[in-house]
Full PDB file with SEQRES, HELIX, SHEET, SSBOND, CRYST1, ORIGX, SCALE, CONECT and MASTER records, all heavy atoms in Angstrom:
SEQRES   1 A   42  ARG GLU ARG ALA THR ARG MET VAL PHE GLU VAL ARG GLU          
SEQRES   2 A   42  GLN THR GLY THR ARG THR GLY SER ILE SER LYS VAL ALA          
SEQRES   3 A   42  ASP GLN LEU GLY VAL HIS ARG GLU ALA LEU ARG THR TRP          
SEQRES   4 A   42  VAL ARG GLN                                                  
HELIX    1 AA1 GLU A    2  THR A   15  1                                  14    
HELIX    2 AA2 SER A   21  LEU A   29  1                                   9    
HELIX    3 AA3 ARG A   33  ARG A   41  1                                   9    
CRYST1    1.000    1.000    1.000  90.00  90.00  90.00 P 1           1          
ORIGX1      1.000000  0.000000  0.000000        0.00000                         
ORIGX2      0.000000  1.000000  0.000000        0.00000                         
ORIGX3      0.000000  0.000000  1.000000        0.00000                         
SCALE1      1.000000  0.000000  0.000000        0.00000                         
SCALE2      0.000000  1.000000  0.000000        0.00000                         
SCALE3      0.000000  0.000000  1.000000        0.00000                         
ATOM      1  N   ARG A   1      -6.488   2.423   8.090  1.00  0.00           N  
ATOM      2  CA  ARG A   1      -6.802   2.415   6.661  1.00  0.00           C  
ATOM      3  C   ARG A   1      -6.207   3.637   5.970  1.00  0.00           C  
ATOM      4  O   ARG A   1      -5.568   3.521   4.922  1.00  0.00           O  
ATOM      5  CB  ARG A   1      -8.312   2.419   6.450  1.00  0.00           C  
ATOM      6  CG  ARG A   1      -9.006   1.162   6.861  1.00  0.00           C  
ATOM      7  CD  ARG A   1     -10.508   1.363   6.828  1.00  0.00           C  
ATOM      8  NE  ARG A   1     -11.192   0.202   7.306  1.00  0.00           N  
ATOM      9  CZ  ARG A   1     -12.035  -0.521   6.566  1.00  0.00           C  
ATOM     10  NH1 ARG A   1     -12.316  -0.160   5.348  1.00  0.00           N  
ATOM     11  NH2 ARG A   1     -12.606  -1.591   7.062  1.00  0.00           N  
ATOM     12  N   GLU A   2      -6.427   4.796   6.571  1.00  0.00           N  
ATOM     13  CA  GLU A   2      -5.916   6.031   5.970  1.00  0.00           C  
ATOM     14  C   GLU A   2      -4.395   6.041   5.933  1.00  0.00           C  
ATOM     15  O   GLU A   2      -3.791   6.424   4.928  1.00  0.00           O  
ATOM     16  CB  GLU A   2      -6.437   7.234   6.757  1.00  0.00           C  
ATOM     17  CG  GLU A   2      -7.930   7.430   6.635  1.00  0.00           C  
ATOM     18  CD  GLU A   2      -8.480   8.442   7.621  1.00  0.00           C  
ATOM     19  OE1 GLU A   2      -7.683   9.135   8.297  1.00  0.00           O  
ATOM     20  OE2 GLU A   2      -9.719   8.537   7.723  1.00  0.00           O  
ATOM     21  N   ARG A   3      -3.784   5.613   7.022  1.00  0.00           N  
ATOM     22  CA  ARG A   3      -2.324   5.592   7.086  1.00  0.00           C  
ATOM     23  C   ARG A   3      -1.754   4.622   6.057  1.00  0.00           C  
ATOM     24  O   ARG A   3      -0.778   4.933   5.368  1.00  0.00           O  
ATOM     25  CB  ARG A   3      -1.890   5.186   8.492  1.00  0.00           C  
ATOM     26  CG  ARG A   3      -0.401   5.114   8.668  1.00  0.00           C  
ATOM     27  CD  ARG A   3      -0.053   4.819  10.121  1.00  0.00           C  
ATOM     28  NE  ARG A   3       1.351   4.522  10.220  1.00  0.00           N  
ATOM     29  CZ  ARG A   3       1.859   3.579  10.994  1.00  0.00           C  
ATOM     30  NH1 ARG A   3       1.066   2.861  11.754  1.00  0.00           N  
ATOM     31  NH2 ARG A   3       3.144   3.370  11.039  1.00  0.00           N  
ATOM     32  N   ALA A   4      -2.347   3.447   5.948  1.00  0.00           N  
ATOM     33  CA  ALA A   4      -1.852   2.435   5.014  1.00  0.00           C  
ATOM     34  C   ALA A   4      -1.967   2.913   3.570  1.00  0.00           C  
ATOM     35  O   ALA A   4      -1.020   2.752   2.788  1.00  0.00           O  
ATOM     36  CB  ALA A   4      -2.615   1.127   5.214  1.00  0.00           C  
ATOM     37  N   THR A   5      -3.099   3.488   3.201  1.00  0.00           N  
ATOM     38  CA  THR A   5      -3.247   3.969   1.823  1.00  0.00           C  
ATOM     39  C   THR A   5      -2.276   5.115   1.540  1.00  0.00           C  
ATOM     40  O   THR A   5      -1.684   5.180   0.463  1.00  0.00           O  
ATOM     41  CB  THR A   5      -4.688   4.424   1.532  1.00  0.00           C  
ATOM     42  OG1 THR A   5      -5.097   5.370   2.505  1.00  0.00           O  
ATOM     43  CG2 THR A   5      -5.649   3.263   1.530  1.00  0.00           C  
ATOM     44  N   ARG A   6      -2.103   5.983   2.507  1.00  0.00           N  
ATOM     45  CA  ARG A   6      -1.142   7.083   2.337  1.00  0.00           C  
ATOM     46  C   ARG A   6       0.271   6.531   2.146  1.00  0.00           C  
ATOM     47  O   ARG A   6       1.032   7.004   1.289  1.00  0.00           O  
ATOM     48  CB  ARG A   6      -1.215   8.015   3.549  1.00  0.00           C  
ATOM     49  CG  ARG A   6      -0.521   9.325   3.365  1.00  0.00           C  
ATOM     50  CD  ARG A   6      -0.788  10.314   4.492  1.00  0.00           C  
ATOM     51  NE  ARG A   6      -0.630   9.735   5.831  1.00  0.00           N  
ATOM     52  CZ  ARG A   6      -1.610   9.541   6.696  1.00  0.00           C  
ATOM     53  NH1 ARG A   6      -2.852   9.883   6.389  1.00  0.00           N  
ATOM     54  NH2 ARG A   6      -1.375   9.023   7.880  1.00  0.00           N  
ATOM     55  N   MET A   7       0.619   5.498   2.919  1.00  0.00           N  
ATOM     56  CA  MET A   7       1.940   4.893   2.788  1.00  0.00           C  
ATOM     57  C   MET A   7       2.135   4.249   1.420  1.00  0.00           C  
ATOM     58  O   MET A   7       3.225   4.350   0.835  1.00  0.00           O  
ATOM     59  CB  MET A   7       2.157   3.854   3.895  1.00  0.00           C  
ATOM     60  CG  MET A   7       2.421   4.460   5.254  1.00  0.00           C  
ATOM     61  SD  MET A   7       2.572   3.214   6.564  1.00  0.00           S  
ATOM     62  CE  MET A   7       4.096   2.398   6.099  1.00  0.00           C  
ATOM     63  N   VAL A   8       1.107   3.611   0.885  1.00  0.00           N  
ATOM     64  CA  VAL A   8       1.206   2.998  -0.447  1.00  0.00           C  
ATOM     65  C   VAL A   8       1.480   4.073  -1.489  1.00  0.00           C  
ATOM     66  O   VAL A   8       2.362   3.910  -2.351  1.00  0.00           O  
ATOM     67  CB  VAL A   8      -0.072   2.208  -0.800  1.00  0.00           C  
ATOM     68  CG1 VAL A   8      -0.090   1.816  -2.268  1.00  0.00           C  
ATOM     69  CG2 VAL A   8      -0.203   0.982   0.075  1.00  0.00           C  
ATOM     70  N   PHE A   9       0.762   5.187  -1.414  1.00  0.00           N  
ATOM     71  CA  PHE A   9       0.989   6.259  -2.379  1.00  0.00           C  
ATOM     72  C   PHE A   9       2.392   6.847  -2.233  1.00  0.00           C  
ATOM     73  O   PHE A   9       3.034   7.189  -3.227  1.00  0.00           O  
ATOM     74  CB  PHE A   9      -0.074   7.355  -2.235  1.00  0.00           C  
ATOM     75  CG  PHE A   9      -1.447   6.909  -2.681  1.00  0.00           C  
ATOM     76  CD1 PHE A   9      -2.547   7.092  -1.857  1.00  0.00           C  
ATOM     77  CD2 PHE A   9      -1.635   6.315  -3.910  1.00  0.00           C  
ATOM     78  CE1 PHE A   9      -3.804   6.691  -2.261  1.00  0.00           C  
ATOM     79  CE2 PHE A   9      -2.897   5.901  -4.319  1.00  0.00           C  
ATOM     80  CZ  PHE A   9      -3.979   6.088  -3.494  1.00  0.00           C  
ATOM     81  N   GLU A  10       2.897   6.949  -1.001  1.00  0.00           N  
ATOM     82  CA  GLU A  10       4.250   7.459  -0.781  1.00  0.00           C  
ATOM     83  C   GLU A  10       5.295   6.511  -1.346  1.00  0.00           C  
ATOM     84  O   GLU A  10       6.262   6.950  -1.978  1.00  0.00           O  
ATOM     85  CB  GLU A  10       4.493   7.687   0.716  1.00  0.00           C  
ATOM     86  CG  GLU A  10       3.727   8.849   1.284  1.00  0.00           C  
ATOM     87  CD  GLU A  10       3.814   8.936   2.803  1.00  0.00           C  
ATOM     88  OE1 GLU A  10       4.491   8.088   3.429  1.00  0.00           O  
ATOM     89  OE2 GLU A  10       3.189   9.858   3.368  1.00  0.00           O  
ATOM     90  N   VAL A  11       5.115   5.201  -1.138  1.00  0.00           N  
ATOM     91  CA  VAL A  11       6.053   4.212  -1.674  1.00  0.00           C  
ATOM     92  C   VAL A  11       6.037   4.255  -3.198  1.00  0.00           C  
ATOM     93  O   VAL A  11       7.097   4.208  -3.845  1.00  0.00           O  
ATOM     94  CB  VAL A  11       5.729   2.796  -1.145  1.00  0.00           C  
ATOM     95  CG1 VAL A  11       6.498   1.731  -1.901  1.00  0.00           C  
ATOM     96  CG2 VAL A  11       6.003   2.715   0.344  1.00  0.00           C  
ATOM     97  N   ARG A  12       4.859   4.367  -3.773  1.00  0.00           N  
ATOM     98  CA  ARG A  12       4.765   4.456  -5.234  1.00  0.00           C  
ATOM     99  C   ARG A  12       5.478   5.691  -5.756  1.00  0.00           C  
ATOM    100  O   ARG A  12       6.137   5.642  -6.794  1.00  0.00           O  
ATOM    101  CB  ARG A  12       3.298   4.489  -5.671  1.00  0.00           C  
ATOM    102  CG  ARG A  12       2.613   3.168  -5.576  1.00  0.00           C  
ATOM    103  CD  ARG A  12       1.183   3.266  -6.043  1.00  0.00           C  
ATOM    104  NE  ARG A  12       0.505   1.982  -5.960  1.00  0.00           N  
ATOM    105  CZ  ARG A  12      -0.774   1.799  -6.230  1.00  0.00           C  
ATOM    106  NH1 ARG A  12      -1.524   2.822  -6.583  1.00  0.00           N  
ATOM    107  NH2 ARG A  12      -1.307   0.602  -6.138  1.00  0.00           N  
ATOM    108  N   GLU A  13       5.342   6.792  -5.044  1.00  0.00           N  
ATOM    109  CA  GLU A  13       5.992   8.035  -5.459  1.00  0.00           C  
ATOM    110  C   GLU A  13       7.509   7.921  -5.338  1.00  0.00           C  
ATOM    111  O   GLU A  13       8.242   8.376  -6.213  1.00  0.00           O  
ATOM    112  CB  GLU A  13       5.480   9.176  -4.583  1.00  0.00           C  
ATOM    113  CG  GLU A  13       5.895  10.550  -5.046  1.00  0.00           C  
ATOM    114  CD  GLU A  13       5.262  11.623  -4.182  1.00  0.00           C  
ATOM    115  OE1 GLU A  13       4.023  11.704  -4.150  1.00  0.00           O  
ATOM    116  OE2 GLU A  13       6.027  12.363  -3.539  1.00  0.00           O  
ATOM    117  N   GLN A  14       7.980   7.293  -4.272  1.00  0.00           N  
ATOM    118  CA  GLN A  14       9.419   7.159  -4.051  1.00  0.00           C  
ATOM    119  C   GLN A  14      10.067   6.216  -5.055  1.00  0.00           C  
ATOM    120  O   GLN A  14      11.145   6.500  -5.573  1.00  0.00           O  
ATOM    121  CB  GLN A  14       9.700   6.651  -2.634  1.00  0.00           C  
ATOM    122  CG  GLN A  14       9.408   7.655  -1.560  1.00  0.00           C  
ATOM    123  CD  GLN A  14       9.482   7.043  -0.168  1.00  0.00           C  
ATOM    124  OE1 GLN A  14       9.688   5.838  -0.009  1.00  0.00           O  
ATOM    125  NE2 GLN A  14       9.295   7.881   0.854  1.00  0.00           N  
ATOM    126  N   THR A  15       9.419   5.091  -5.317  1.00  0.00           N  
ATOM    127  CA  THR A  15      10.016   4.092  -6.206  1.00  0.00           C  
ATOM    128  C   THR A  15       9.703   4.357  -7.670  1.00  0.00           C  
ATOM    129  O   THR A  15      10.417   3.869  -8.541  1.00  0.00           O  
ATOM    130  CB  THR A  15       9.531   2.677  -5.849  1.00  0.00           C  
ATOM    131  OG1 THR A  15       8.115   2.610  -6.003  1.00  0.00           O  
ATOM    132  CG2 THR A  15       9.936   2.309  -4.443  1.00  0.00           C  
ATOM    133  N   GLY A  16       8.639   5.080  -7.937  1.00  0.00           N  
ATOM    134  CA  GLY A  16       8.258   5.354  -9.316  1.00  0.00           C  
ATOM    135  C   GLY A  16       7.553   4.197  -9.990  1.00  0.00           C  
ATOM    136  O   GLY A  16       7.345   4.202 -11.193  1.00  0.00           O  
ATOM    137  N   THR A  17       7.202   3.182  -9.229  1.00  0.00           N  
ATOM    138  CA  THR A  17       6.520   2.021  -9.789  1.00  0.00           C  
ATOM    139  C   THR A  17       5.381   1.602  -8.869  1.00  0.00           C  
ATOM    140  O   THR A  17       5.407   1.860  -7.667  1.00  0.00           O  
ATOM    141  CB  THR A  17       7.497   0.842  -9.996  1.00  0.00           C  
ATOM    142  OG1 THR A  17       6.771  -0.247 -10.553  1.00  0.00           O  
ATOM    143  CG2 THR A  17       8.143   0.421  -8.705  1.00  0.00           C  
ATOM    144  N   ARG A  18       4.387   0.928  -9.455  1.00  0.00           N  
ATOM    145  CA  ARG A  18       3.236   0.496  -8.679  1.00  0.00           C  
ATOM    146  C   ARG A  18       3.424  -0.912  -8.116  1.00  0.00           C  
ATOM    147  O   ARG A  18       2.789  -1.286  -7.155  1.00  0.00           O  
ATOM    148  CB  ARG A  18       1.992   0.494  -9.569  1.00  0.00           C  
ATOM    149  CG  ARG A  18       1.574   1.872 -10.011  1.00  0.00           C  
ATOM    150  CD  ARG A  18       0.420   1.799 -10.994  1.00  0.00           C  
ATOM    151  NE  ARG A  18      -0.729   1.100 -10.475  1.00  0.00           N  
ATOM    152  CZ  ARG A  18      -1.823   1.686 -10.006  1.00  0.00           C  
ATOM    153  NH1 ARG A  18      -1.907   2.993 -10.006  1.00  0.00           N  
ATOM    154  NH2 ARG A  18      -2.830   0.980  -9.562  1.00  0.00           N  
ATOM    155  N   THR A  19       4.282  -1.688  -8.729  1.00  0.00           N  
ATOM    156  CA  THR A  19       4.428  -3.085  -8.333  1.00  0.00           C  
ATOM    157  C   THR A  19       5.118  -3.217  -6.983  1.00  0.00           C  
ATOM    158  O   THR A  19       6.122  -2.569  -6.711  1.00  0.00           O  
ATOM    159  CB  THR A  19       5.239  -3.872  -9.387  1.00  0.00           C  
ATOM    160  OG1 THR A  19       6.504  -3.237  -9.548  1.00  0.00           O  
ATOM    161  CG2 THR A  19       4.515  -3.904 -10.715  1.00  0.00           C  
ATOM    162  N   GLY A  20       4.558  -4.047  -6.145  1.00  0.00           N  
ATOM    163  CA  GLY A  20       5.152  -4.355  -4.856  1.00  0.00           C  
ATOM    164  C   GLY A  20       4.849  -3.393  -3.735  1.00  0.00           C  
ATOM    165  O   GLY A  20       5.154  -3.682  -2.583  1.00  0.00           O  
ATOM    166  N   SER A  21       4.276  -2.241  -4.047  1.00  0.00           N  
ATOM    167  CA  SER A  21       4.047  -1.251  -2.998  1.00  0.00           C  
ATOM    168  C   SER A  21       2.996  -1.730  -1.992  1.00  0.00           C  
ATOM    169  O   SER A  21       3.162  -1.559  -0.782  1.00  0.00           O  
ATOM    170  CB  SER A  21       3.637   0.093  -3.596  1.00  0.00           C  
ATOM    171  OG  SER A  21       2.472  -0.040  -4.377  1.00  0.00           O  
ATOM    172  N   ILE A  22       1.946  -2.361  -2.472  1.00  0.00           N  
ATOM    173  CA  ILE A  22       0.890  -2.845  -1.573  1.00  0.00           C  
ATOM    174  C   ILE A  22       1.425  -3.974  -0.701  1.00  0.00           C  
ATOM    175  O   ILE A  22       1.189  -3.996   0.511  1.00  0.00           O  
ATOM    176  CB  ILE A  22      -0.351  -3.278  -2.370  1.00  0.00           C  
ATOM    177  CG1 ILE A  22      -1.014  -2.040  -2.987  1.00  0.00           C  
ATOM    178  CG2 ILE A  22      -1.331  -4.034  -1.488  1.00  0.00           C  
ATOM    179  CD1 ILE A  22      -2.207  -2.326  -3.852  1.00  0.00           C  
ATOM    180  N   SER A  23       2.161  -4.893  -1.286  1.00  0.00           N  
ATOM    181  CA  SER A  23       2.720  -6.008  -0.520  1.00  0.00           C  
ATOM    182  C   SER A  23       3.669  -5.514   0.562  1.00  0.00           C  
ATOM    183  O   SER A  23       3.636  -5.991   1.705  1.00  0.00           O  
ATOM    184  CB  SER A  23       3.469  -6.964  -1.444  1.00  0.00           C  
ATOM    185  OG  SER A  23       2.590  -7.521  -2.377  1.00  0.00           O  
ATOM    186  N   LYS A  24       4.499  -4.551   0.213  1.00  0.00           N  
ATOM    187  CA  LYS A  24       5.479  -4.026   1.154  1.00  0.00           C  
ATOM    188  C   LYS A  24       4.790  -3.363   2.352  1.00  0.00           C  
ATOM    189  O   LYS A  24       5.110  -3.651   3.505  1.00  0.00           O  
ATOM    190  CB  LYS A  24       6.385  -3.011   0.453  1.00  0.00           C  
ATOM    191  CG  LYS A  24       7.497  -2.482   1.337  1.00  0.00           C  
ATOM    192  CD  LYS A  24       8.298  -1.388   0.632  1.00  0.00           C  
ATOM    193  CE  LYS A  24       9.133  -1.985  -0.464  1.00  0.00           C  
ATOM    194  NZ  LYS A  24      10.037  -0.981  -1.078  1.00  0.00           N  
ATOM    195  N   VAL A  25       3.824  -2.502   2.075  1.00  0.00           N  
ATOM    196  CA  VAL A  25       3.124  -1.796   3.153  1.00  0.00           C  
ATOM    197  C   VAL A  25       2.270  -2.764   3.967  1.00  0.00           C  
ATOM    198  O   VAL A  25       2.223  -2.673   5.197  1.00  0.00           O  
ATOM    199  CB  VAL A  25       2.273  -0.641   2.585  1.00  0.00           C  
ATOM    200  CG1 VAL A  25       1.410  -0.019   3.664  1.00  0.00           C  
ATOM    201  CG2 VAL A  25       3.173   0.411   1.950  1.00  0.00           C  
ATOM    202  N   ALA A  26       1.620  -3.706   3.307  1.00  0.00           N  
ATOM    203  CA  ALA A  26       0.784  -4.684   4.019  1.00  0.00           C  
ATOM    204  C   ALA A  26       1.627  -5.499   4.987  1.00  0.00           C  
ATOM    205  O   ALA A  26       1.217  -5.741   6.123  1.00  0.00           O  
ATOM    206  CB  ALA A  26       0.076  -5.592   3.027  1.00  0.00           C  
ATOM    207  N   ASP A  27       2.810  -5.916   4.551  1.00  0.00           N  
ATOM    208  CA  ASP A  27       3.687  -6.684   5.428  1.00  0.00           C  
ATOM    209  C   ASP A  27       4.184  -5.835   6.600  1.00  0.00           C  
ATOM    210  O   ASP A  27       4.280  -6.315   7.722  1.00  0.00           O  
ATOM    211  CB  ASP A  27       4.868  -7.242   4.642  1.00  0.00           C  
ATOM    212  CG  ASP A  27       4.440  -8.329   3.659  1.00  0.00           C  
ATOM    213  OD1 ASP A  27       3.340  -8.882   3.828  1.00  0.00           O  
ATOM    214  OD2 ASP A  27       5.214  -8.602   2.715  1.00  0.00           O  
ATOM    215  N   GLN A  28       4.483  -4.571   6.351  1.00  0.00           N  
ATOM    216  CA  GLN A  28       4.966  -3.687   7.409  1.00  0.00           C  
ATOM    217  C   GLN A  28       3.910  -3.463   8.489  1.00  0.00           C  
ATOM    218  O   GLN A  28       4.225  -3.436   9.678  1.00  0.00           O  
ATOM    219  CB  GLN A  28       5.370  -2.319   6.846  1.00  0.00           C  
ATOM    220  CG  GLN A  28       6.660  -2.302   6.096  1.00  0.00           C  
ATOM    221  CD  GLN A  28       6.956  -0.924   5.501  1.00  0.00           C  
ATOM    222  OE1 GLN A  28       6.096  -0.046   5.495  1.00  0.00           O  
ATOM    223  NE2 GLN A  28       8.161  -0.762   4.994  1.00  0.00           N  
ATOM    224  N   LEU A  29       2.662  -3.286   8.062  1.00  0.00           N  
ATOM    225  CA  LEU A  29       1.603  -2.942   9.002  1.00  0.00           C  
ATOM    226  C   LEU A  29       0.807  -4.148   9.506  1.00  0.00           C  
ATOM    227  O   LEU A  29      -0.056  -4.014  10.371  1.00  0.00           O  
ATOM    228  CB  LEU A  29       0.640  -1.939   8.364  1.00  0.00           C  
ATOM    229  CG  LEU A  29       1.247  -0.583   7.997  1.00  0.00           C  
ATOM    230  CD1 LEU A  29       0.206   0.282   7.320  1.00  0.00           C  
ATOM    231  CD2 LEU A  29       1.798   0.113   9.234  1.00  0.00           C  
ATOM    232  N   GLY A  30       1.051  -5.320   8.942  1.00  0.00           N  
ATOM    233  CA  GLY A  30       0.310  -6.506   9.356  1.00  0.00           C  
ATOM    234  C   GLY A  30      -1.136  -6.499   8.890  1.00  0.00           C  
ATOM    235  O   GLY A  30      -2.027  -6.975   9.579  1.00  0.00           O  
ATOM    236  N   VAL A  31      -1.346  -5.953   7.696  1.00  0.00           N  
ATOM    237  CA  VAL A  31      -2.681  -5.859   7.106  1.00  0.00           C  
ATOM    238  C   VAL A  31      -2.764  -6.855   5.956  1.00  0.00           C  
ATOM    239  O   VAL A  31      -1.771  -7.097   5.254  1.00  0.00           O  
ATOM    240  CB  VAL A  31      -2.920  -4.419   6.579  1.00  0.00           C  
ATOM    241  CG1 VAL A  31      -4.242  -4.311   5.871  1.00  0.00           C  
ATOM    242  CG2 VAL A  31      -2.833  -3.427   7.710  1.00  0.00           C  
ATOM    243  N   HIS A  32      -3.916  -7.441   5.755  1.00  0.00           N  
ATOM    244  CA  HIS A  32      -4.104  -8.365   4.643  1.00  0.00           C  
ATOM    245  C   HIS A  32      -3.955  -7.608   3.325  1.00  0.00           C  
ATOM    246  O   HIS A  32      -4.466  -6.499   3.168  1.00  0.00           O  
ATOM    247  CB  HIS A  32      -5.487  -9.016   4.729  1.00  0.00           C  
ATOM    248  CG  HIS A  32      -5.625 -10.204   3.852  1.00  0.00           C  
ATOM    249  ND1 HIS A  32      -5.990 -10.102   2.541  1.00  0.00           N  
ATOM    250  CD2 HIS A  32      -5.407 -11.521   4.097  1.00  0.00           C  
ATOM    251  CE1 HIS A  32      -6.018 -11.314   1.996  1.00  0.00           C  
ATOM    252  NE2 HIS A  32      -5.675 -12.191   2.925  1.00  0.00           N  
ATOM    253  N   ARG A  33      -3.237  -8.205   2.393  1.00  0.00           N  
ATOM    254  CA  ARG A  33      -2.938  -7.521   1.120  1.00  0.00           C  
ATOM    255  C   ARG A  33      -4.180  -7.150   0.330  1.00  0.00           C  
ATOM    256  O   ARG A  33      -4.261  -6.070  -0.242  1.00  0.00           O  
ATOM    257  CB  ARG A  33      -2.032  -8.409   0.263  1.00  0.00           C  
ATOM    258  CG  ARG A  33      -0.648  -8.515   0.815  1.00  0.00           C  
ATOM    259  CD  ARG A  33       0.220  -9.401  -0.047  1.00  0.00           C  
ATOM    260  NE  ARG A  33       1.529  -9.507   0.575  1.00  0.00           N  
ATOM    261  CZ  ARG A  33       2.348 -10.505   0.381  1.00  0.00           C  
ATOM    262  NH1 ARG A  33       2.006 -11.493  -0.424  1.00  0.00           N  
ATOM    263  NH2 ARG A  33       3.514 -10.533   0.978  1.00  0.00           N  
ATOM    264  N   GLU A  34      -5.143  -8.061   0.292  1.00  0.00           N  
ATOM    265  CA  GLU A  34      -6.358  -7.773  -0.482  1.00  0.00           C  
ATOM    266  C   GLU A  34      -7.172  -6.657   0.152  1.00  0.00           C  
ATOM    267  O   GLU A  34      -7.796  -5.861  -0.554  1.00  0.00           O  
ATOM    268  CB  GLU A  34      -7.204  -9.032  -0.650  1.00  0.00           C  
ATOM    269  CG  GLU A  34      -6.659  -9.999  -1.665  1.00  0.00           C  
ATOM    270  CD  GLU A  34      -6.453  -9.367  -3.041  1.00  0.00           C  
ATOM    271  OE1 GLU A  34      -7.370  -8.681  -3.545  1.00  0.00           O  
ATOM    272  OE2 GLU A  34      -5.370  -9.571  -3.614  1.00  0.00           O  
ATOM    273  N   ALA A  35      -7.174  -6.595   1.471  1.00  0.00           N  
ATOM    274  CA  ALA A  35      -7.871  -5.494   2.139  1.00  0.00           C  
ATOM    275  C   ALA A  35      -7.215  -4.166   1.763  1.00  0.00           C  
ATOM    276  O   ALA A  35      -7.894  -3.204   1.398  1.00  0.00           O  
ATOM    277  CB  ALA A  35      -7.845  -5.686   3.654  1.00  0.00           C  
ATOM    278  N   LEU A  36      -5.892  -4.130   1.822  1.00  0.00           N  
ATOM    279  CA  LEU A  36      -5.174  -2.910   1.471  1.00  0.00           C  
ATOM    280  C   LEU A  36      -5.375  -2.559   0.005  1.00  0.00           C  
ATOM    281  O   LEU A  36      -5.570  -1.389  -0.337  1.00  0.00           O  
ATOM    282  CB  LEU A  36      -3.688  -3.050   1.799  1.00  0.00           C  
ATOM    283  CG  LEU A  36      -2.807  -1.838   1.524  1.00  0.00           C  
ATOM    284  CD1 LEU A  36      -3.338  -0.595   2.216  1.00  0.00           C  
ATOM    285  CD2 LEU A  36      -1.370  -2.119   1.945  1.00  0.00           C  
ATOM    286  N   ARG A  37      -5.374  -3.552  -0.850  1.00  0.00           N  
ATOM    287  CA  ARG A  37      -5.590  -3.299  -2.282  1.00  0.00           C  
ATOM    288  C   ARG A  37      -6.972  -2.675  -2.515  1.00  0.00           C  
ATOM    289  O   ARG A  37      -7.123  -1.732  -3.301  1.00  0.00           O  
ATOM    290  CB  ARG A  37      -5.455  -4.606  -3.061  1.00  0.00           C  
ATOM    291  CG  ARG A  37      -5.603  -4.430  -4.565  1.00  0.00           C  
ATOM    292  CD  ARG A  37      -5.266  -5.699  -5.333  1.00  0.00           C  
ATOM    293  NE  ARG A  37      -3.824  -5.882  -5.344  1.00  0.00           N  
ATOM    294  CZ  ARG A  37      -3.176  -6.880  -4.744  1.00  0.00           C  
ATOM    295  NH1 ARG A  37      -3.850  -7.793  -4.069  1.00  0.00           N  
ATOM    296  NH2 ARG A  37      -1.870  -6.989  -4.802  1.00  0.00           N  
ATOM    297  N   THR A  38      -7.962  -3.152  -1.792  1.00  0.00           N  
ATOM    298  CA  THR A  38      -9.312  -2.590  -1.903  1.00  0.00           C  
ATOM    299  C   THR A  38      -9.342  -1.144  -1.431  1.00  0.00           C  
ATOM    300  O   THR A  38      -9.952  -0.289  -2.063  1.00  0.00           O  
ATOM    301  CB  THR A  38     -10.300  -3.434  -1.076  1.00  0.00           C  
ATOM    302  OG1 THR A  38     -10.261  -4.782  -1.537  1.00  0.00           O  
ATOM    303  CG2 THR A  38     -11.709  -2.898  -1.183  1.00  0.00           C  
ATOM    304  N   TRP A  39      -8.664  -0.864  -0.315  1.00  0.00           N  
ATOM    305  CA  TRP A  39      -8.624   0.510   0.204  1.00  0.00           C  
ATOM    306  C   TRP A  39      -7.936   1.455  -0.766  1.00  0.00           C  
ATOM    307  O   TRP A  39      -8.388   2.571  -0.975  1.00  0.00           O  
ATOM    308  CB  TRP A  39      -7.892   0.572   1.539  1.00  0.00           C  
ATOM    309  CG  TRP A  39      -8.434  -0.316   2.603  1.00  0.00           C  
ATOM    310  CD1 TRP A  39      -9.695  -0.859   2.666  1.00  0.00           C  
ATOM    311  CD2 TRP A  39      -7.749  -0.777   3.759  1.00  0.00           C  
ATOM    312  NE1 TRP A  39      -9.822  -1.629   3.793  1.00  0.00           N  
ATOM    313  CE2 TRP A  39      -8.643  -1.601   4.487  1.00  0.00           C  
ATOM    314  CE3 TRP A  39      -6.466  -0.579   4.251  1.00  0.00           C  
ATOM    315  CZ2 TRP A  39      -8.282  -2.208   5.681  1.00  0.00           C  
ATOM    316  CZ3 TRP A  39      -6.104  -1.186   5.440  1.00  0.00           C  
ATOM    317  CH2 TRP A  39      -7.018  -1.993   6.147  1.00  0.00           C  
ATOM    318  N   VAL A  40      -6.857   0.976  -1.372  1.00  0.00           N  
ATOM    319  CA  VAL A  40      -6.110   1.816  -2.321  1.00  0.00           C  
ATOM    320  C   VAL A  40      -6.966   2.087  -3.554  1.00  0.00           C  
ATOM    321  O   VAL A  40      -7.033   3.219  -4.038  1.00  0.00           O  
ATOM    322  CB  VAL A  40      -4.766   1.155  -2.698  1.00  0.00           C  
ATOM    323  CG1 VAL A  40      -4.107   1.872  -3.863  1.00  0.00           C  
ATOM    324  CG2 VAL A  40      -3.837   1.136  -1.493  1.00  0.00           C  
ATOM    325  N   ARG A  41      -7.641   1.066  -4.060  1.00  0.00           N  
ATOM    326  CA  ARG A  41      -8.523   1.265  -5.221  1.00  0.00           C  
ATOM    327  C   ARG A  41      -9.602   2.290  -4.918  1.00  0.00           C  
ATOM    328  O   ARG A  41      -9.901   3.161  -5.732  1.00  0.00           O  
ATOM    329  CB  ARG A  41      -9.167  -0.048  -5.636  1.00  0.00           C  
ATOM    330  CG  ARG A  41      -8.268  -0.946  -6.401  1.00  0.00           C  
ATOM    331  CD  ARG A  41      -9.023  -2.142  -6.929  1.00  0.00           C  
ATOM    332  NE  ARG A  41      -8.110  -3.081  -7.546  1.00  0.00           N  
ATOM    333  CZ  ARG A  41      -8.221  -4.383  -7.470  1.00  0.00           C  
ATOM    334  NH1 ARG A  41      -9.228  -4.932  -6.819  1.00  0.00           N  
ATOM    335  NH2 ARG A  41      -7.349  -5.164  -8.053  1.00  0.00           N  
ATOM    336  N   GLN A  42     -10.212   2.177  -3.731  1.00  0.00           N  
ATOM    337  CA  GLN A  42     -11.266   3.128  -3.376  1.00  0.00           C  
ATOM    338  C   GLN A  42     -10.701   4.532  -3.218  1.00  0.00           C  
ATOM    339  O   GLN A  42     -11.336   5.508  -3.603  1.00  0.00           O  
ATOM    340  CB  GLN A  42     -11.973   2.693  -2.093  1.00  0.00           C  
ATOM    341  CG  GLN A  42     -13.221   3.490  -1.800  1.00  0.00           C  
ATOM    342  CD  GLN A  42     -14.259   3.388  -2.910  1.00  0.00           C  
ATOM    343  OE1 GLN A  42     -14.598   2.300  -3.361  1.00  0.00           O  
ATOM    344  NE2 GLN A  42     -14.760   4.516  -3.356  1.00  0.00           N  
TER     345      GLN A  42                                                      
MASTER        0    0    0    3    0    0    0    6  344    1    0    4          
END                                                                             
């Protein structure tokens, strides 16, 4: 959970946009997108 949320924030920082970052990281780590979205929101 911690690694995935950290990766989402890193992708957002690198790309400068919020769109697609959760989907990209979720696919890379094999995590359900909605679960990751909930972790990022929290």
